[in-house]
Each structure stands twice: as C-alpha cells, then as structure tokens.
C-alpha cells in the first residue's frame, strides 16, 4: 500500500466516524427530555455531555480533511456544543 493509499484510507475512516458522530448528535437533538423526572434530568445532562464530546471529536476529525469544505462547519459545530452543555447544566440546577 502506498502512502497515498494509506492517507486515503485514513481520510475514509475519519469521514465514516465523523458521519456516525453526526448521526449521534442528530439523535440526541431529536430526543425531547422530560426534565420533570429525576432520571430524565440526569439523562439530559449526560446526553449534553456526550453531544459536546461528539462535536469536539467531529471538529478534530475535520483536520484530517485538508481543504474539505465541511472542515469549517465541523469547527463551528464544536464551538456551539459548549453553549449547549452550559444550557443543560443551568436547566438541571434550576430544577433543583
């Protein structure tokens, strides 16, 4: 396998992982937590943390795609994740 083939395979694996992480983020976004229930608040908080980690990993994987138009979008997604996690933490503390 040539170095070009190795780089191509690495890009393909990173793209596949990035796509799966985006699906995870979409699934978390689609779920509507019932925060009036104790377990649901914990699930919402944990989901927010998982979403943040997934978005950060998407942004990291974006660096594999030099010149990829999605690279900037992946970085923007990572930045938005921080505010989502803070919102969930505030929501959890507001509910007691």
Protein backbone atom coordinates (compact mmCIF):
# COMPACT_ATOMS: atom_id res chain seq x y z
CA UNK A 1 0.00 0.00 0.00
CA UNK A 2 1.42 3.39 -0.96
CA UNK A 3 1.49 6.39 1.33
CA UNK A 4 -1.24 7.96 -0.84
CA UNK A 5 -3.40 4.85 -0.33
CA UNK A 6 -2.75 4.98 3.42
CA UNK A 7 -3.74 8.66 3.59
CA UNK A 8 -6.87 7.95 1.54
CA UNK A 9 -7.84 5.07 3.84
CA UNK A 10 -7.29 7.29 6.89
CA UNK A 11 -9.48 10.01 5.38
CA UNK A 12 -12.21 7.47 4.62
CA UNK A 13 -12.15 6.07 8.18
CA UNK A 14 -12.25 9.59 9.62
CA UNK A 15 -15.17 10.50 7.34
CA UNK A 16 -17.09 7.38 8.38
CA UNK A 17 -16.52 8.11 12.06
CA UNK A 18 -17.45 11.75 11.56
CA UNK A 19 -20.68 10.73 9.80
CA UNK A 20 -21.59 8.36 12.64
CA UNK A 21 -20.89 11.05 15.24
CA UNK A 22 -23.13 13.48 13.34
CA UNK A 23 -25.89 10.85 13.42
CA UNK A 24 -25.41 10.54 17.19
CA UNK A 25 -25.66 14.33 17.62
CA UNK A 26 -28.82 14.39 15.48
CA UNK A 27 -30.37 11.62 17.60
CA UNK A 28 -29.56 13.49 20.82
CA UNK A 29 -31.04 16.68 19.37
CA UNK A 30 -34.21 14.82 18.33
CA UNK A 31 -34.83 13.45 21.82
CA UNK A 32 -37.09 15.57 23.99
CA UNK A 33 -36.24 15.11 27.68
CA UNK A 34 -38.95 15.15 30.31
CA UNK A 35 -36.94 17.13 32.85
CA UNK A 36 -39.67 16.95 35.47
CA UNK A 37 -38.48 13.39 36.17
CA UNK A 38 -35.28 12.91 38.17
CA UNK A 39 -33.79 10.28 35.85
CA UNK A 40 -34.61 12.36 32.80
CA UNK A 41 -32.64 15.34 34.11
CA UNK A 42 -29.62 13.09 34.53
CA UNK A 43 -30.13 11.62 31.04
CA UNK A 44 -30.44 15.14 29.56
CA UNK A 45 -27.26 16.24 31.31
CA UNK A 46 -25.34 13.13 30.25
CA UNK A 47 -26.67 13.45 26.70
CA UNK A 48 -25.46 17.03 26.58
CA UNK A 49 -22.00 15.97 27.68
CA UNK A 50 -21.95 13.16 25.12
CA UNK A 51 -23.08 15.60 22.42
CA UNK A 52 -20.28 18.01 23.36
CA UNK A 53 -17.68 15.24 23.21
CA UNK A 54 -19.01 14.04 19.84
CA UNK A 55 -18.94 17.56 18.40
CA UNK A 56 -15.40 18.12 19.65
CA UNK A 57 -14.32 14.84 18.02
CA UNK A 58 -16.04 15.86 14.76
CA UNK A 59 -14.04 19.09 14.83
CA UNK A 60 -10.81 17.12 15.43
CA UNK A 61 -11.59 14.75 12.59
CA UNK A 62 -12.19 17.77 10.35
CA UNK A 63 -8.46 18.49 10.44
CA UNK A 64 -7.89 15.23 8.55
CA UNK A 65 -9.69 16.72 5.55
CA UNK A 66 -7.32 19.46 4.43
CA UNK A 67 -9.23 21.67 2.04
CA UNK A 68 -12.54 19.96 2.83
CA UNK A 69 -15.46 22.44 2.77
CA UNK A 70 -17.01 20.64 5.75
CA UNK A 71 -13.95 21.32 7.90
CA UNK A 72 -15.10 24.81 8.88
CA UNK A 73 -18.62 23.54 9.60
CA UNK A 74 -17.20 20.88 11.91
CA UNK A 75 -15.30 23.53 13.85
CA UNK A 76 -18.42 25.66 14.14
CA UNK A 77 -20.35 22.67 15.47
CA UNK A 78 -17.71 22.13 18.15
CA UNK A 79 -17.98 25.74 19.27
CA UNK A 80 -21.76 25.55 19.53
CA UNK A 81 -21.51 22.46 21.70
CA UNK A 82 -20.06 24.36 24.64
CA UNK A 83 -23.12 26.56 24.98
CA UNK A 84 -25.44 23.53 24.75
CA UNK A 85 -23.72 21.85 27.69
CA UNK A 86 -23.91 25.05 29.74
CA UNK A 87 -27.62 25.38 28.97
CA UNK A 88 -28.26 21.83 30.18
CA UNK A 89 -26.27 22.39 33.35
CA UNK A 90 -28.26 25.57 34.08
CA UNK A 91 -31.53 23.77 33.37
CA UNK A 92 -30.54 20.98 35.75
CA UNK A 93 -29.56 23.37 38.55
CA UNK A 94 -32.72 25.46 38.07
CA UNK A 95 -34.88 22.41 38.64
CA UNK A 96 -33.09 21.55 41.86
